[in-house]
Amino acid sequence: MADEAPRPWTQVAVRSEKDYRIFRARTLDVLDPRNGAPYVRTVIDAPDWVNVVPVTTDDQVVLVRQFRFGTWSNTLEIPGGMLDPGEDALGAAGRELEEETGFRPARVIPLGVSHPNPAIFGNRLHSYLAEGCARVHAGKQDGSEDIQVVLVPRAELPGLVRDGSITHSLVLATLLFDVLHRR
């Protein structure tokens, strides 16, 4: 029995749904496939997300520093965000990069797709490498964004991860894809 994959759970009912604009939370009544025991689980429905490793022609990475409410602190990250309804991930990568930083890439390369947290999220994170980035304007941030653009030599990224300057798990996932791409 231990070699068999887990069986799917049965959803009995949706107990509640709440729309928070950038995601929707659903509380589900489910049954354990092993013994039929009832459980309550919460699932968060969110749009897919995109992250971009933007590299300039002189091998600088374009990072963003912004305030994050979850940690109530400024974080150092790569540009990224949510896909708009009907938008493809590649288009969102270029849009988020330019909106947040004012940089436009010469080319964008897909690095991979991951699931941010399959325990509660059903969406995906699309990771991209943007090469040949050049600043074309100062950026057009959303009304709720206050972003500082920070250029860092690409060779310094591992040190920023090791010393705790970059801690956002989705950023770390994209940076890992970039490392694997370069190998």
Protein backbone atom coordinates (compact mmCIF):
# COMPACT_ATOMS: atom_id res chain seq x y z
CA MET A 1 0.00 0.00 0.00
CA ALA A 2 2.80 2.47 0.79
CA ASP A 3 3.85 2.49 -2.86
CA GLU A 4 0.46 3.75 -4.06
CA ALA A 5 -0.09 7.44 -4.76
CA PRO A 6 -2.48 9.22 -2.39
CA ARG A 7 -6.10 9.10 -3.52
CA PRO A 8 -8.00 12.32 -4.26
CA TRP A 9 -10.15 13.80 -1.53
CA THR A 10 -13.90 14.30 -2.00
CA GLN A 11 -15.27 17.82 -1.84
CA VAL A 12 -18.64 17.74 -0.10
CA ALA A 13 -19.47 21.44 0.03
CA VAL A 14 -18.14 24.96 -0.24
CA ARG A 15 -18.75 26.36 3.22
CA SER A 16 -17.95 29.99 2.39
CA GLU A 17 -16.38 32.17 -0.27
CA LYS A 18 -14.94 35.65 0.15
CA ASP A 19 -13.57 37.87 -2.60
CA TYR A 20 -10.61 40.07 -1.62
CA ARG A 21 -10.06 41.57 -5.11
CA ILE A 22 -6.56 40.12 -5.61
CA PHE A 23 -7.62 36.64 -4.46
CA ARG A 24 -10.69 34.67 -3.43
CA ALA A 25 -10.75 32.42 -0.35
CA ARG A 26 -12.95 29.32 -0.25
CA THR A 27 -13.56 27.17 2.80
CA LEU A 28 -14.33 23.58 1.80
CA ASP A 29 -15.84 20.59 3.54
CA VAL A 30 -13.87 17.55 2.36
CA LEU A 31 -13.66 13.82 3.12
CA ASP A 32 -10.44 11.91 3.75
CA PRO A 33 -10.20 9.18 1.06
CA ARG A 34 -8.70 6.69 3.54
CA ASN A 35 -11.46 6.66 6.11
CA GLY A 36 -14.16 9.16 5.09
CA ALA A 37 -13.40 11.48 8.02
CA PRO A 38 -14.62 15.05 7.43
CA TYR A 39 -12.21 17.98 7.42
CA VAL A 40 -12.40 21.70 6.69
CA ARG A 41 -9.82 23.15 4.29
CA THR A 42 -9.26 26.66 2.96
CA VAL A 43 -8.15 27.24 -0.62
CA ILE A 44 -7.00 30.55 -2.07
CA ASP A 45 -7.82 31.22 -5.71
CA ALA A 46 -5.45 33.79 -7.20
CA PRO A 47 -4.37 34.74 -10.70
CA ASP A 48 -1.10 33.33 -11.95
CA TRP A 49 1.97 35.35 -11.04
CA VAL A 50 5.10 36.27 -12.95
CA ASN A 51 8.66 37.09 -11.84
CA VAL A 52 11.45 38.42 -14.03
CA VAL A 53 15.24 38.38 -13.64
CA PRO A 54 16.10 41.54 -15.62
CA VAL A 55 19.73 41.77 -16.73
CA THR A 56 21.20 44.87 -18.37
CA THR A 57 23.76 44.81 -21.17
CA ASP A 58 26.53 45.39 -18.59
CA ASP A 59 25.42 42.38 -16.46
CA GLN A 60 23.57 44.32 -13.75
CA VAL A 61 20.34 42.88 -12.33
CA VAL A 62 17.46 45.31 -11.93
CA LEU A 63 15.99 44.80 -8.46
CA VAL A 64 13.15 46.55 -6.68
CA ARG A 65 12.84 47.49 -3.04
CA GLN A 66 9.30 47.93 -1.77
CA PHE A 67 7.24 47.80 1.40
CA ARG A 68 5.44 44.50 2.05
CA PHE A 69 2.54 44.43 4.49
CA GLY A 70 2.88 40.75 5.43
CA THR A 71 6.32 41.29 6.96
CA TRP A 72 5.74 45.02 7.60
CA SER A 73 9.14 45.74 6.08
CA ASN A 74 10.92 46.72 2.91
CA THR A 75 12.03 43.77 0.79
CA LEU A 76 14.55 43.44 -2.02
CA GLU A 77 13.06 41.55 -4.97
CA ILE A 78 13.02 41.11 -8.71
CA PRO A 79 10.11 42.69 -10.60
CA GLY A 80 6.91 40.69 -10.74
CA GLY A 81 3.21 40.64 -10.20
CA MET A 82 -0.15 39.21 -11.18
CA LEU A 83 -1.32 38.40 -14.67
CA ASP A 84 -4.22 40.59 -15.76
CA PRO A 85 -7.39 38.77 -16.91
CA GLY A 86 -6.77 37.27 -20.36
CA GLU A 87 -3.07 38.21 -20.31
CA ASP A 88 -0.39 35.67 -21.16
CA ALA A 89 2.57 35.20 -18.83
CA LEU A 90 5.17 36.42 -21.33
CA GLY A 91 3.27 39.66 -21.87
CA ALA A 92 2.85 40.11 -18.12
CA ALA A 93 6.60 39.66 -17.60
CA GLY A 94 7.45 42.54 -19.93
CA ARG A 95 4.63 44.70 -18.60
CA GLU A 96 5.55 44.23 -14.92
CA LEU A 97 9.23 44.86 -15.61
CA GLU A 98 8.58 48.10 -17.44
CA GLU A 99 5.85 49.36 -15.09
CA GLU A 100 7.90 48.78 -11.95
CA THR A 101 11.33 49.84 -13.21
CA GLY A 102 11.09 51.66 -16.55
CA PHE A 103 13.41 49.03 -18.09
CA ARG A 104 12.55 47.26 -21.34
CA PRO A 105 14.26 44.00 -22.40
CA ALA A 106 15.74 43.10 -25.78
CA ARG A 107 14.51 39.51 -25.28
CA VAL A 108 12.61 37.49 -22.69
CA ILE A 109 13.34 33.80 -22.07
CA PRO A 110 11.02 31.45 -20.15
CA LEU A 111 12.83 29.82 -17.22
CA GLY A 112 10.11 27.63 -15.72
CA VAL A 113 6.81 27.36 -13.91
CA SER A 114 6.27 26.50 -10.25
CA HIS A 115 3.36 26.24 -7.81
CA PRO A 116 3.82 28.89 -5.08
CA ASN A 117 2.17 26.82 -2.32
CA PRO A 118 0.05 23.88 -3.53
CA ALA A 119 -1.26 23.28 -0.01
CA ILE A 120 -3.53 26.32 -0.31
CA PHE A 121 -2.93 28.00 -3.72
CA GLY A 122 -3.91 26.60 -7.11
CA ASN A 123 -2.10 29.22 -9.19
CA ARG A 124 1.32 29.15 -10.84
CA LEU A 125 4.42 31.34 -10.84
CA HIS A 126 5.91 31.88 -14.31
CA SER A 127 9.62 32.75 -14.15
CA TYR A 128 11.47 34.62 -16.89
CA LEU A 129 14.90 35.95 -17.73
CA ALA A 130 14.90 39.36 -19.44
CA GLU A 131 18.19 40.09 -21.24
CA GLY A 132 19.53 43.30 -22.72
CA CYS A 133 17.42 45.49 -20.43
CA ALA A 134 17.69 49.24 -20.96
CA ARG A 135 15.93 52.03 -19.09
CA VAL A 136 13.39 53.75 -21.32
CA HIS A 137 11.55 55.81 -18.66
CA ALA A 138 11.24 56.22 -14.88
CA GLY A 139 8.55 53.53 -14.49
CA LYS A 140 4.79 53.72 -14.16
CA GLN A 141 4.03 52.10 -10.83
CA ASP A 142 0.52 51.26 -9.68
CA GLY A 143 -1.07 53.73 -7.27
CA SER A 144 -0.38 51.46 -4.30
CA GLU A 145 3.29 50.87 -5.18
CA ASP A 146 6.26 52.86 -3.92
CA ILE A 147 9.27 51.20 -5.53
CA GLN A 148 12.98 51.98 -5.40
CA VAL A 149 14.95 50.55 -8.35
CA VAL A 150 18.29 49.02 -7.33
CA LEU A 151 20.97 47.85 -9.79
CA VAL A 152 23.24 45.08 -8.55
CA PRO A 153 26.03 43.22 -10.38
CA ARG A 154 24.66 39.78 -11.31
CA ALA A 155 27.61 38.09 -9.59
CA GLU A 156 26.45 39.58 -6.24
CA LEU A 157 23.00 37.91 -6.25
CA PRO A 158 24.11 34.72 -4.41
CA GLY A 159 25.60 36.85 -1.62
CA LEU A 160 22.32 38.81 -1.27
CA VAL A 161 20.48 35.51 -0.84
CA ARG A 162 23.04 34.12 1.63
CA ASP A 163 23.12 37.26 3.80
CA GLY A 164 19.32 37.47 3.99
CA SER A 165 18.93 40.61 1.87
CA ILE A 166 16.66 38.66 -0.53
CA THR A 167 14.15 36.46 1.34
CA HIS A 168 10.96 36.40 -0.77
CA SER A 169 10.39 32.72 -1.56
CA LEU A 170 8.93 33.34 -5.02
CA VAL A 171 11.95 35.47 -5.90
CA LEU A 172 14.22 32.69 -4.64
CA ALA A 173 12.38 30.17 -6.86
CA THR A 174 12.92 32.35 -9.92
CA LEU A 175 16.57 32.94 -9.05
CA LEU A 176 17.03 29.16 -8.80
CA PHE A 177 15.51 28.74 -12.27
CA ASP A 178 17.98 31.35 -13.53
CA VAL A 179 20.94 29.50 -11.99
CA LEU A 180 19.75 26.22 -13.56
CA HIS A 181 19.28 27.97 -16.92
CA ARG A 182 22.86 29.27 -16.88
CA ARG A 183 24.30 25.79 -16.14
